[in-house]
N, C-alpha and C. Protein backbone atom coordinates (compact mmCIF):
# COMPACT_ATOMS: atom_id res chain seq x y z
N MET A 1 339.76 64.75 135.38
CA MET A 1 338.97 65.84 135.93
C MET A 1 339.37 67.15 135.25
N LYS A 2 338.35 67.92 134.80
CA LYS A 2 338.69 69.16 134.10
C LYS A 2 339.07 70.26 135.08
N ARG A 3 340.00 71.08 134.64
CA ARG A 3 340.54 72.16 135.46
C ARG A 3 339.59 73.36 135.41
N LEU A 4 339.25 73.90 136.58
CA LEU A 4 338.37 75.06 136.65
C LEU A 4 339.16 76.33 136.44
N ILE A 5 338.55 77.27 135.75
CA ILE A 5 339.14 78.59 135.51
C ILE A 5 339.11 79.36 136.83
N GLU A 6 340.22 79.99 137.18
CA GLU A 6 340.28 80.83 138.37
C GLU A 6 339.55 82.15 138.07
N PRO A 7 338.81 82.70 139.02
CA PRO A 7 338.11 83.97 138.78
C PRO A 7 339.11 85.12 138.66
N ILE A 8 338.63 86.24 138.12
CA ILE A 8 339.51 87.41 138.01
C ILE A 8 339.91 87.88 139.40
N GLY A 9 341.06 88.55 139.44
CA GLY A 9 341.59 89.06 140.70
C GLY A 9 341.24 90.52 140.91
N PRO A 10 341.73 91.10 142.00
CA PRO A 10 341.40 92.48 142.37
C PRO A 10 341.74 93.52 141.28
N GLU A 11 342.86 93.34 140.60
CA GLU A 11 343.26 94.32 139.56
C GLU A 11 342.27 94.31 138.40
N GLN A 12 341.90 93.12 137.94
CA GLN A 12 340.93 93.05 136.85
C GLN A 12 339.55 93.51 137.31
N GLU A 13 339.17 93.21 138.56
CA GLU A 13 337.90 93.73 139.09
C GLU A 13 337.90 95.25 139.04
N ARG A 14 339.03 95.86 139.41
CA ARG A 14 339.14 97.32 139.37
C ARG A 14 338.92 97.84 137.96
N LEU A 15 339.53 97.17 136.97
CA LEU A 15 339.36 97.58 135.57
C LEU A 15 337.91 97.46 135.12
N VAL A 16 337.24 96.40 135.54
CA VAL A 16 335.82 96.22 135.18
C VAL A 16 334.97 97.31 135.82
N ARG A 17 335.25 97.64 137.08
CA ARG A 17 334.50 98.70 137.75
C ARG A 17 334.72 100.04 137.04
N GLU A 18 335.96 100.32 136.66
CA GLU A 18 336.26 101.56 135.94
C GLU A 18 335.54 101.60 134.59
N GLU A 19 335.53 100.48 133.89
CA GLU A 19 334.86 100.42 132.59
C GLU A 19 333.34 100.58 132.77
N THR A 20 332.80 100.00 133.82
CA THR A 20 331.37 100.17 134.11
C THR A 20 331.06 101.64 134.34
N GLU A 21 331.89 102.30 135.13
CA GLU A 21 331.70 103.73 135.40
C GLU A 21 331.82 104.55 134.11
N ARG A 22 332.77 104.19 133.25
CA ARG A 22 332.94 104.90 131.97
C ARG A 22 331.68 104.78 131.11
N TRP A 23 331.10 103.58 131.04
CA TRP A 23 329.88 103.38 130.25
C TRP A 23 328.69 104.08 130.89
N ILE A 24 328.66 104.18 132.21
CA ILE A 24 327.59 104.91 132.87
C ILE A 24 327.66 106.39 132.48
N ARG A 25 328.87 106.96 132.47
CA ARG A 25 329.03 108.37 132.05
C ARG A 25 328.60 108.54 130.58
N ARG A 26 328.94 107.57 129.76
CA ARG A 26 328.54 107.62 128.34
C ARG A 26 327.02 107.56 128.21
N ALA A 27 326.38 106.71 128.99
CA ALA A 27 324.91 106.61 128.97
C ALA A 27 324.28 107.92 129.43
N GLU A 28 324.88 108.58 130.42
CA GLU A 28 324.36 109.87 130.87
C GLU A 28 324.39 110.89 129.74
N GLU A 29 325.48 110.90 128.98
CA GLU A 29 325.60 111.83 127.84
C GLU A 29 324.56 111.53 126.77
N ILE A 30 324.46 110.27 126.40
CA ILE A 30 323.56 109.85 125.32
C ILE A 30 322.10 110.05 125.71
N CYS A 31 321.73 109.62 126.91
CA CYS A 31 320.33 109.62 127.34
C CYS A 31 319.92 110.91 128.05
N ARG A 32 320.90 111.76 128.35
CA ARG A 32 320.66 113.03 129.05
C ARG A 32 319.92 112.81 130.37
N ILE A 33 320.47 111.88 131.16
CA ILE A 33 319.93 111.60 132.49
C ILE A 33 321.10 111.49 133.46
N ASP A 34 320.77 111.59 134.75
CA ASP A 34 321.78 111.38 135.79
C ASP A 34 321.66 109.94 136.28
N LEU A 35 322.76 109.23 136.20
CA LEU A 35 322.81 107.85 136.70
C LEU A 35 323.73 107.82 137.91
N SER A 36 323.19 107.41 139.03
CA SER A 36 323.99 107.30 140.24
C SER A 36 324.99 106.16 140.09
N PRO A 37 326.10 106.24 140.81
CA PRO A 37 326.98 105.07 140.83
C PRO A 37 326.18 103.86 141.32
N ILE A 38 326.50 102.70 140.80
CA ILE A 38 325.76 101.49 141.10
C ILE A 38 326.72 100.44 141.66
N PRO A 39 326.30 99.68 142.67
CA PRO A 39 327.18 98.62 143.16
C PRO A 39 327.49 97.60 142.06
N VAL A 40 328.75 97.23 141.96
CA VAL A 40 329.21 96.23 141.00
C VAL A 40 329.72 95.05 141.81
N LEU A 41 329.10 93.90 141.60
CA LEU A 41 329.45 92.69 142.33
C LEU A 41 330.03 91.66 141.38
N PHE A 42 330.87 90.80 141.90
CA PHE A 42 331.48 89.73 141.11
C PHE A 42 331.06 88.38 141.72
N ASP A 43 329.74 88.21 141.85
CA ASP A 43 329.21 87.02 142.52
C ASP A 43 328.32 86.17 141.62
N LEU A 44 328.25 86.49 140.34
CA LEU A 44 327.38 85.75 139.42
C LEU A 44 328.03 84.43 139.04
N ARG A 45 327.25 83.39 139.00
CA ARG A 45 327.74 82.06 138.62
C ARG A 45 326.92 81.55 137.45
N GLY A 46 327.41 80.50 136.83
CA GLY A 46 326.64 79.85 135.78
C GLY A 46 327.02 80.31 134.39
N ARG A 47 326.04 80.36 133.51
CA ARG A 47 326.25 80.59 132.08
C ARG A 47 326.26 82.06 131.68
N ALA A 48 325.72 82.93 132.53
CA ALA A 48 325.61 84.35 132.21
C ALA A 48 326.88 85.09 132.59
N ALA A 49 327.31 86.01 131.72
CA ALA A 49 328.50 86.81 132.01
C ALA A 49 328.17 88.01 132.89
N GLY A 50 326.93 88.50 132.78
CA GLY A 50 326.53 89.65 133.57
C GLY A 50 325.04 89.67 133.81
N MET A 51 324.63 90.50 134.78
CA MET A 51 323.21 90.63 135.10
C MET A 51 322.98 91.98 135.76
N TYR A 52 321.98 92.68 135.25
CA TYR A 52 321.49 93.88 135.93
C TYR A 52 320.30 93.44 136.76
N ARG A 53 320.29 93.82 138.04
CA ARG A 53 319.22 93.33 138.92
C ARG A 53 318.65 94.47 139.75
N VAL A 54 317.32 94.47 139.85
CA VAL A 54 316.62 95.36 140.76
C VAL A 54 315.90 94.48 141.75
N ARG A 55 316.27 94.60 143.01
CA ARG A 55 315.64 93.78 144.05
C ARG A 55 315.43 94.66 145.28
N GLY A 56 314.18 94.76 145.68
CA GLY A 56 313.86 95.58 146.85
C GLY A 56 314.23 97.04 146.65
N GLY A 57 314.10 97.52 145.42
CA GLY A 57 314.45 98.91 145.13
C GLY A 57 315.94 99.17 145.02
N ARG A 58 316.75 98.14 145.21
CA ARG A 58 318.21 98.28 145.12
C ARG A 58 318.69 97.76 143.77
N ARG A 59 319.43 98.58 143.06
CA ARG A 59 319.96 98.22 141.75
C ARG A 59 321.42 97.77 141.88
N THR A 60 321.76 96.68 141.20
CA THR A 60 323.14 96.21 141.17
C THR A 60 323.46 95.67 139.79
N ILE A 61 324.74 95.69 139.47
CA ILE A 61 325.24 94.99 138.30
C ILE A 61 326.13 93.89 138.82
N ARG A 62 325.84 92.67 138.36
CA ARG A 62 326.60 91.50 138.80
C ARG A 62 327.36 90.93 137.60
N TYR A 63 328.59 90.56 137.83
CA TYR A 63 329.41 89.95 136.79
C TYR A 63 329.88 88.57 137.23
N ASN A 64 330.10 87.71 136.25
CA ASN A 64 330.60 86.36 136.49
C ASN A 64 332.13 86.41 136.43
N PRO A 65 332.82 86.28 137.57
CA PRO A 65 334.27 86.43 137.59
C PRO A 65 335.01 85.31 136.83
N HIS A 66 334.37 84.16 136.67
CA HIS A 66 334.99 83.05 135.93
C HIS A 66 334.92 83.30 134.42
N LEU A 67 333.73 83.74 133.94
CA LEU A 67 333.62 84.04 132.51
C LEU A 67 334.47 85.26 132.13
N PHE A 68 334.57 86.23 133.04
CA PHE A 68 335.44 87.38 132.77
C PHE A 68 336.90 86.94 132.70
N ALA A 69 337.28 85.98 133.53
CA ALA A 69 338.67 85.50 133.50
C ALA A 69 338.97 84.81 132.18
N LYS A 70 338.03 84.06 131.67
CA LYS A 70 338.26 83.31 130.43
C LYS A 70 338.14 84.20 129.19
N TYR A 71 337.24 85.18 129.25
CA TYR A 71 336.98 86.06 128.09
C TYR A 71 337.02 87.52 128.53
N PHE A 72 338.11 87.94 129.10
CA PHE A 72 338.18 89.27 129.72
C PHE A 72 337.91 90.40 128.72
N ARG A 73 338.67 90.44 127.64
CA ARG A 73 338.52 91.56 126.68
C ARG A 73 337.13 91.60 126.05
N GLU A 74 336.61 90.42 125.67
CA GLU A 74 335.29 90.36 125.05
C GLU A 74 334.21 90.87 126.01
N ASN A 75 334.31 90.45 127.29
CA ASN A 75 333.31 90.88 128.27
C ASN A 75 333.44 92.36 128.62
N LEU A 76 334.65 92.85 128.65
CA LEU A 76 334.86 94.28 128.90
C LEU A 76 334.21 95.10 127.78
N ALA A 77 334.32 94.59 126.55
CA ALA A 77 333.81 95.32 125.38
C ALA A 77 332.31 95.16 125.17
N THR A 78 331.72 94.04 125.60
CA THR A 78 330.30 93.81 125.30
C THR A 78 329.42 93.65 126.54
N THR A 79 329.84 92.86 127.51
CA THR A 79 329.00 92.62 128.68
C THR A 79 328.83 93.87 129.53
N VAL A 80 329.89 94.61 129.73
CA VAL A 80 329.81 95.82 130.57
C VAL A 80 328.82 96.82 129.97
N PRO A 81 328.94 97.22 128.70
CA PRO A 81 327.94 98.14 128.17
C PRO A 81 326.53 97.53 128.11
N HIS A 82 326.44 96.22 127.90
CA HIS A 82 325.15 95.53 127.89
C HIS A 82 324.42 95.77 129.21
N GLU A 83 325.11 95.56 130.34
CA GLU A 83 324.47 95.72 131.64
C GLU A 83 324.20 97.19 131.97
N VAL A 84 325.10 98.07 131.56
CA VAL A 84 324.87 99.51 131.77
C VAL A 84 323.66 99.97 130.95
N ALA A 85 323.47 99.42 129.76
CA ALA A 85 322.30 99.76 128.95
C ALA A 85 321.01 99.35 129.65
N HIS A 86 321.03 98.20 130.36
CA HIS A 86 319.86 97.80 131.15
C HIS A 86 319.58 98.84 132.24
N TYR A 87 320.63 99.27 132.89
CA TYR A 87 320.51 100.27 133.97
C TYR A 87 319.90 101.57 133.42
N ALA A 88 320.42 102.05 132.31
CA ALA A 88 319.92 103.29 131.72
C ALA A 88 318.47 103.13 131.25
N ALA A 89 318.16 102.01 130.62
CA ALA A 89 316.78 101.76 130.15
C ALA A 89 315.81 101.72 131.32
N ASP A 90 316.24 101.14 132.43
CA ASP A 90 315.41 101.08 133.64
C ASP A 90 315.09 102.49 134.12
N LEU A 91 316.11 103.33 134.25
CA LEU A 91 315.88 104.67 134.78
C LEU A 91 315.12 105.56 133.80
N LEU A 92 315.27 105.31 132.52
CA LEU A 92 314.54 106.10 131.52
C LEU A 92 313.06 105.71 131.43
N HIS A 93 312.79 104.40 131.46
CA HIS A 93 311.45 103.92 131.14
C HIS A 93 310.76 103.17 132.28
N GLY A 94 311.48 102.79 133.30
CA GLY A 94 310.90 101.98 134.37
C GLY A 94 311.02 100.50 134.04
N TRP A 95 311.62 99.75 134.93
CA TRP A 95 311.92 98.34 134.67
C TRP A 95 310.67 97.53 134.34
N ARG A 96 309.57 97.85 134.98
CA ARG A 96 308.34 97.09 134.77
C ARG A 96 307.63 97.45 133.46
N ASN A 97 308.06 98.52 132.83
CA ASN A 97 307.39 99.00 131.62
C ASN A 97 308.05 98.53 130.32
N ILE A 98 309.16 97.82 130.42
CA ILE A 98 309.91 97.43 129.21
C ILE A 98 310.31 95.96 129.28
N ARG A 99 310.53 95.39 128.09
CA ARG A 99 311.09 94.03 128.02
C ARG A 99 312.60 94.15 128.20
N PRO A 100 313.23 93.15 128.84
CA PRO A 100 314.67 93.26 129.13
C PRO A 100 315.55 93.57 127.91
N HIS A 101 315.28 92.94 126.78
CA HIS A 101 316.09 93.21 125.59
C HIS A 101 315.22 93.81 124.48
N GLY A 102 314.26 94.61 124.92
CA GLY A 102 313.33 95.24 124.00
C GLY A 102 313.92 96.45 123.30
N PRO A 103 313.07 97.18 122.57
CA PRO A 103 313.54 98.30 121.75
C PRO A 103 314.23 99.41 122.54
N GLU A 104 313.81 99.64 123.78
CA GLU A 104 314.43 100.70 124.59
C GLU A 104 315.89 100.35 124.87
N TRP A 105 316.13 99.12 125.30
CA TRP A 105 317.49 98.65 125.56
C TRP A 105 318.30 98.63 124.26
N GLN A 106 317.70 98.12 123.20
CA GLN A 106 318.39 98.04 121.91
C GLN A 106 318.82 99.41 121.41
N SER A 107 317.98 100.41 121.60
CA SER A 107 318.35 101.75 121.11
C SER A 107 319.56 102.30 121.87
N ILE A 108 319.65 102.00 123.15
CA ILE A 108 320.81 102.45 123.93
C ILE A 108 322.07 101.71 123.45
N MET A 109 321.95 100.41 123.22
CA MET A 109 323.10 99.64 122.72
C MET A 109 323.57 100.19 121.37
N ARG A 110 322.63 100.50 120.49
CA ARG A 110 323.02 101.06 119.18
C ARG A 110 323.69 102.42 119.35
N ALA A 111 323.17 103.23 120.28
CA ALA A 111 323.80 104.53 120.56
C ALA A 111 325.22 104.35 121.09
N PHE A 112 325.45 103.25 121.80
CA PHE A 112 326.80 102.91 122.26
C PHE A 112 327.69 102.43 121.12
N GLY A 113 327.07 102.11 119.97
CA GLY A 113 327.83 101.58 118.84
C GLY A 113 328.09 100.09 118.96
N ILE A 114 327.22 99.39 119.69
CA ILE A 114 327.39 97.96 119.93
C ILE A 114 326.17 97.20 119.44
N ASP A 115 326.40 96.08 118.79
CA ASP A 115 325.32 95.22 118.31
C ASP A 115 324.46 94.78 119.49
N PRO A 116 323.15 95.02 119.45
CA PRO A 116 322.29 94.69 120.59
C PRO A 116 321.92 93.20 120.66
N ARG A 117 322.91 92.37 120.93
CA ARG A 117 322.65 90.93 121.11
C ARG A 117 322.28 90.67 122.56
N ALA A 118 321.32 89.78 122.75
CA ALA A 118 320.85 89.49 124.10
C ALA A 118 321.82 88.60 124.87
N THR A 119 322.47 87.66 124.20
CA THR A 119 323.35 86.73 124.91
C THR A 119 324.65 86.53 124.16
N GLY A 120 325.68 86.16 124.91
CA GLY A 120 326.97 85.83 124.32
C GLY A 120 327.06 84.33 124.09
N GLN A 121 327.96 83.94 123.24
CA GLN A 121 328.20 82.52 122.97
C GLN A 121 329.56 82.17 123.54
N TYR A 122 329.58 81.43 124.63
CA TYR A 122 330.83 81.12 125.31
C TYR A 122 331.03 79.61 125.42
N ASP A 123 332.27 79.21 125.28
CA ASP A 123 332.66 77.83 125.62
C ASP A 123 332.77 77.81 127.13
N LEU A 124 331.98 77.00 127.78
CA LEU A 124 331.93 76.99 129.24
C LEU A 124 332.87 75.98 129.88
N THR A 125 333.77 75.41 129.08
CA THR A 125 334.75 74.46 129.63
C THR A 125 335.57 75.15 130.72
N GLY A 126 335.59 74.56 131.90
CA GLY A 126 336.34 75.11 133.02
C GLY A 126 335.58 76.13 133.84
N ILE A 127 334.35 76.45 133.43
CA ILE A 127 333.53 77.42 134.15
C ILE A 127 332.59 76.66 135.08
N PRO A 128 332.55 76.99 136.38
CA PRO A 128 331.60 76.31 137.26
C PRO A 128 330.17 76.67 136.85
N VAL A 129 329.39 75.67 136.46
CA VAL A 129 328.02 75.88 136.00
C VAL A 129 327.09 75.07 136.88
N ARG A 130 326.08 75.74 137.39
CA ARG A 130 325.10 75.07 138.23
C ARG A 130 324.18 74.22 137.37
N ARG A 131 324.05 72.98 137.71
CA ARG A 131 323.14 72.08 137.02
C ARG A 131 321.86 71.97 137.84
N GLN A 132 320.76 72.27 137.23
CA GLN A 132 319.51 72.19 137.94
C GLN A 132 318.90 70.80 137.79
N ARG A 133 318.42 70.26 138.89
CA ARG A 133 317.77 68.97 138.87
C ARG A 133 316.46 69.06 138.10
N ARG A 134 316.09 68.01 137.41
CA ARG A 134 314.83 67.95 136.65
C ARG A 134 313.95 66.86 137.23
N PHE A 135 312.64 67.09 137.20
CA PHE A 135 311.67 66.13 137.71
C PHE A 135 310.81 65.63 136.56
N THR A 136 310.55 64.34 136.56
CA THR A 136 309.79 63.70 135.48
C THR A 136 308.29 63.85 135.74
N TYR A 137 307.60 64.41 134.75
CA TYR A 137 306.15 64.55 134.77
C TYR A 137 305.58 63.85 133.54
N HIS A 138 304.31 63.47 133.62
CA HIS A 138 303.67 62.75 132.51
C HIS A 138 302.36 63.43 132.12
N CYS A 139 302.01 63.24 130.86
CA CYS A 139 300.70 63.65 130.35
C CYS A 139 300.16 62.46 129.56
N GLY A 140 299.19 62.67 128.69
CA GLY A 140 298.62 61.58 127.91
C GLY A 140 299.49 61.11 126.76
N CYS A 141 300.48 61.92 126.36
CA CYS A 141 301.23 61.55 125.16
C CYS A 141 302.74 61.38 125.36
N ARG A 142 303.29 61.87 126.44
CA ARG A 142 304.75 61.77 126.59
C ARG A 142 305.22 62.12 128.00
N THR A 143 306.54 62.12 128.17
CA THR A 143 307.19 62.47 129.44
C THR A 143 307.78 63.87 129.31
N HIS A 144 307.71 64.63 130.39
CA HIS A 144 308.25 66.00 130.43
C HIS A 144 309.23 66.09 131.58
N LEU A 145 310.25 66.93 131.43
CA LEU A 145 311.19 67.21 132.51
C LEU A 145 310.99 68.65 132.96
N LEU A 146 310.55 68.82 134.20
CA LEU A 146 310.34 70.15 134.75
C LEU A 146 311.49 70.53 135.67
N SER A 147 311.87 71.80 135.64
CA SER A 147 312.95 72.30 136.50
C SER A 147 312.53 72.23 137.97
N THR A 148 313.50 72.33 138.84
CA THR A 148 313.24 72.33 140.27
C THR A 148 312.28 73.46 140.64
N CYS A 149 312.48 74.62 140.05
CA CYS A 149 311.63 75.78 140.34
C CYS A 149 310.17 75.47 139.98
N ARG A 150 309.93 74.96 138.78
CA ARG A 150 308.56 74.64 138.37
C ARG A 150 307.98 73.50 139.22
N HIS A 151 308.79 72.49 139.51
CA HIS A 151 308.33 71.38 140.35
C HIS A 151 307.89 71.90 141.71
N ASN A 152 308.69 72.78 142.31
CA ASN A 152 308.35 73.32 143.62
C ASN A 152 307.06 74.14 143.57
N ARG A 153 306.84 74.87 142.48
CA ARG A 153 305.59 75.63 142.33
C ARG A 153 304.40 74.68 142.29
N VAL A 154 304.55 73.56 141.59
CA VAL A 154 303.47 72.56 141.55
C VAL A 154 303.23 72.00 142.94
N MET A 155 304.30 71.64 143.64
CA MET A 155 304.16 71.04 144.96
C MET A 155 303.52 72.00 145.97
N ARG A 156 303.77 73.30 145.82
CA ARG A 156 303.16 74.30 146.71
C ARG A 156 301.75 74.69 146.28
N GLY A 157 301.31 74.14 145.14
CA GLY A 157 299.98 74.46 144.63
C GLY A 157 299.89 75.82 143.96
N GLU A 158 301.02 76.39 143.58
CA GLU A 158 301.05 77.72 142.97
C GLU A 158 300.91 77.68 141.45
N ALA A 159 301.14 76.51 140.85
CA ALA A 159 301.11 76.44 139.39
C ALA A 159 300.64 75.08 138.93
N VAL A 160 300.08 75.07 137.73
CA VAL A 160 299.69 73.86 137.03
C VAL A 160 300.23 74.01 135.62
N TYR A 161 300.85 72.96 135.09
CA TYR A 161 301.42 73.02 133.75
C TYR A 161 300.71 72.02 132.86
N PHE A 162 300.61 72.38 131.56
CA PHE A 162 299.91 71.56 130.58
C PHE A 162 300.81 71.24 129.42
N CYS A 163 300.57 70.11 128.78
CA CYS A 163 301.33 69.70 127.59
C CYS A 163 300.93 70.57 126.41
N ASN A 164 301.92 71.04 125.67
CA ASN A 164 301.65 71.84 124.48
C ASN A 164 301.10 70.99 123.34
N ARG A 165 301.36 69.70 123.39
CA ARG A 165 300.93 68.81 122.30
C ARG A 165 299.50 68.31 122.51
N CYS A 166 299.24 67.66 123.66
CA CYS A 166 297.91 67.06 123.87
C CYS A 166 296.99 67.91 124.75
N GLY A 167 297.55 68.90 125.44
CA GLY A 167 296.73 69.79 126.26
C GLY A 167 296.40 69.29 127.64
N GLU A 168 296.84 68.07 127.99
CA GLU A 168 296.55 67.52 129.30
C GLU A 168 297.46 68.12 130.36
N GLN A 169 296.96 68.10 131.60
CA GLN A 169 297.76 68.57 132.73
C GLN A 169 298.94 67.63 132.95
N LEU A 170 300.11 68.22 133.26
CA LEU A 170 301.28 67.41 133.59
C LEU A 170 301.15 66.91 135.02
N ASN A 171 301.44 65.63 135.22
CA ASN A 171 301.30 65.00 136.53
C ASN A 171 302.62 64.43 137.00
N PHE A 172 302.87 64.63 138.29
CA PHE A 172 304.07 64.10 138.92
C PHE A 172 303.72 62.77 139.55
N PRO A 173 304.44 61.69 139.22
CA PRO A 173 304.09 60.35 139.72
C PRO A 173 304.05 60.26 141.24
N GLY A 174 304.84 61.06 141.94
CA GLY A 174 304.89 60.98 143.40
C GLY A 174 303.77 61.73 144.08
N ASP A 175 302.91 62.40 143.32
CA ASP A 175 301.83 63.20 143.90
C ASP A 175 300.67 62.28 144.31
N PRO A 176 300.34 62.21 145.61
CA PRO A 176 299.28 61.30 146.06
C PRO A 176 297.94 61.59 145.42
N ALA A 177 297.67 62.83 145.06
CA ALA A 177 296.40 63.16 144.41
C ALA A 177 296.30 62.52 143.04
N ILE A 178 297.44 62.23 142.45
CA ILE A 178 297.48 61.64 141.11
C ILE A 178 297.50 60.13 141.21
N ASP A 179 298.27 59.62 142.19
CA ASP A 179 298.43 58.16 142.30
C ASP A 179 297.17 57.49 142.84
N GLY A 180 296.27 58.24 143.42
CA GLY A 180 295.03 57.63 143.81
C GLY A 180 294.81 57.65 145.26
């Protein structure tokens, strides 16, 4: 059984919060805007090291405490400014008006002096990663695996998916409308 990486502790969380605040002040200088302090959470799981989120008008920055534990210095140097750049781009341009890693975000990253890469490359050994269940669907030419999210959309009648190769609708074998 592989050993799981322990998440960062309170002292490292404090350092990450301080670094986040430092990058927010830097973004204010560069972008000439006022950025309010933002809640910083250490509740992110899976493959992502960080996430800027706007939900219900509330902005947060979430960090993955396991990936920070394994790659602390790298994440302090790249993930923290990456997420702060999302925050600044949102307040400058409006979240709905820009692509997440589009030119607005990239220009802020370049102003920070950091390569505007969208994702990090991490060895996830020892990191708790959520595995999503896949559902088998069929078309006229092959089998497809749809994520739980897409499968649920089909089951609720909210979405229909088609094969990119043959153009036929994807069908779930357990669907009574398909089985007859």
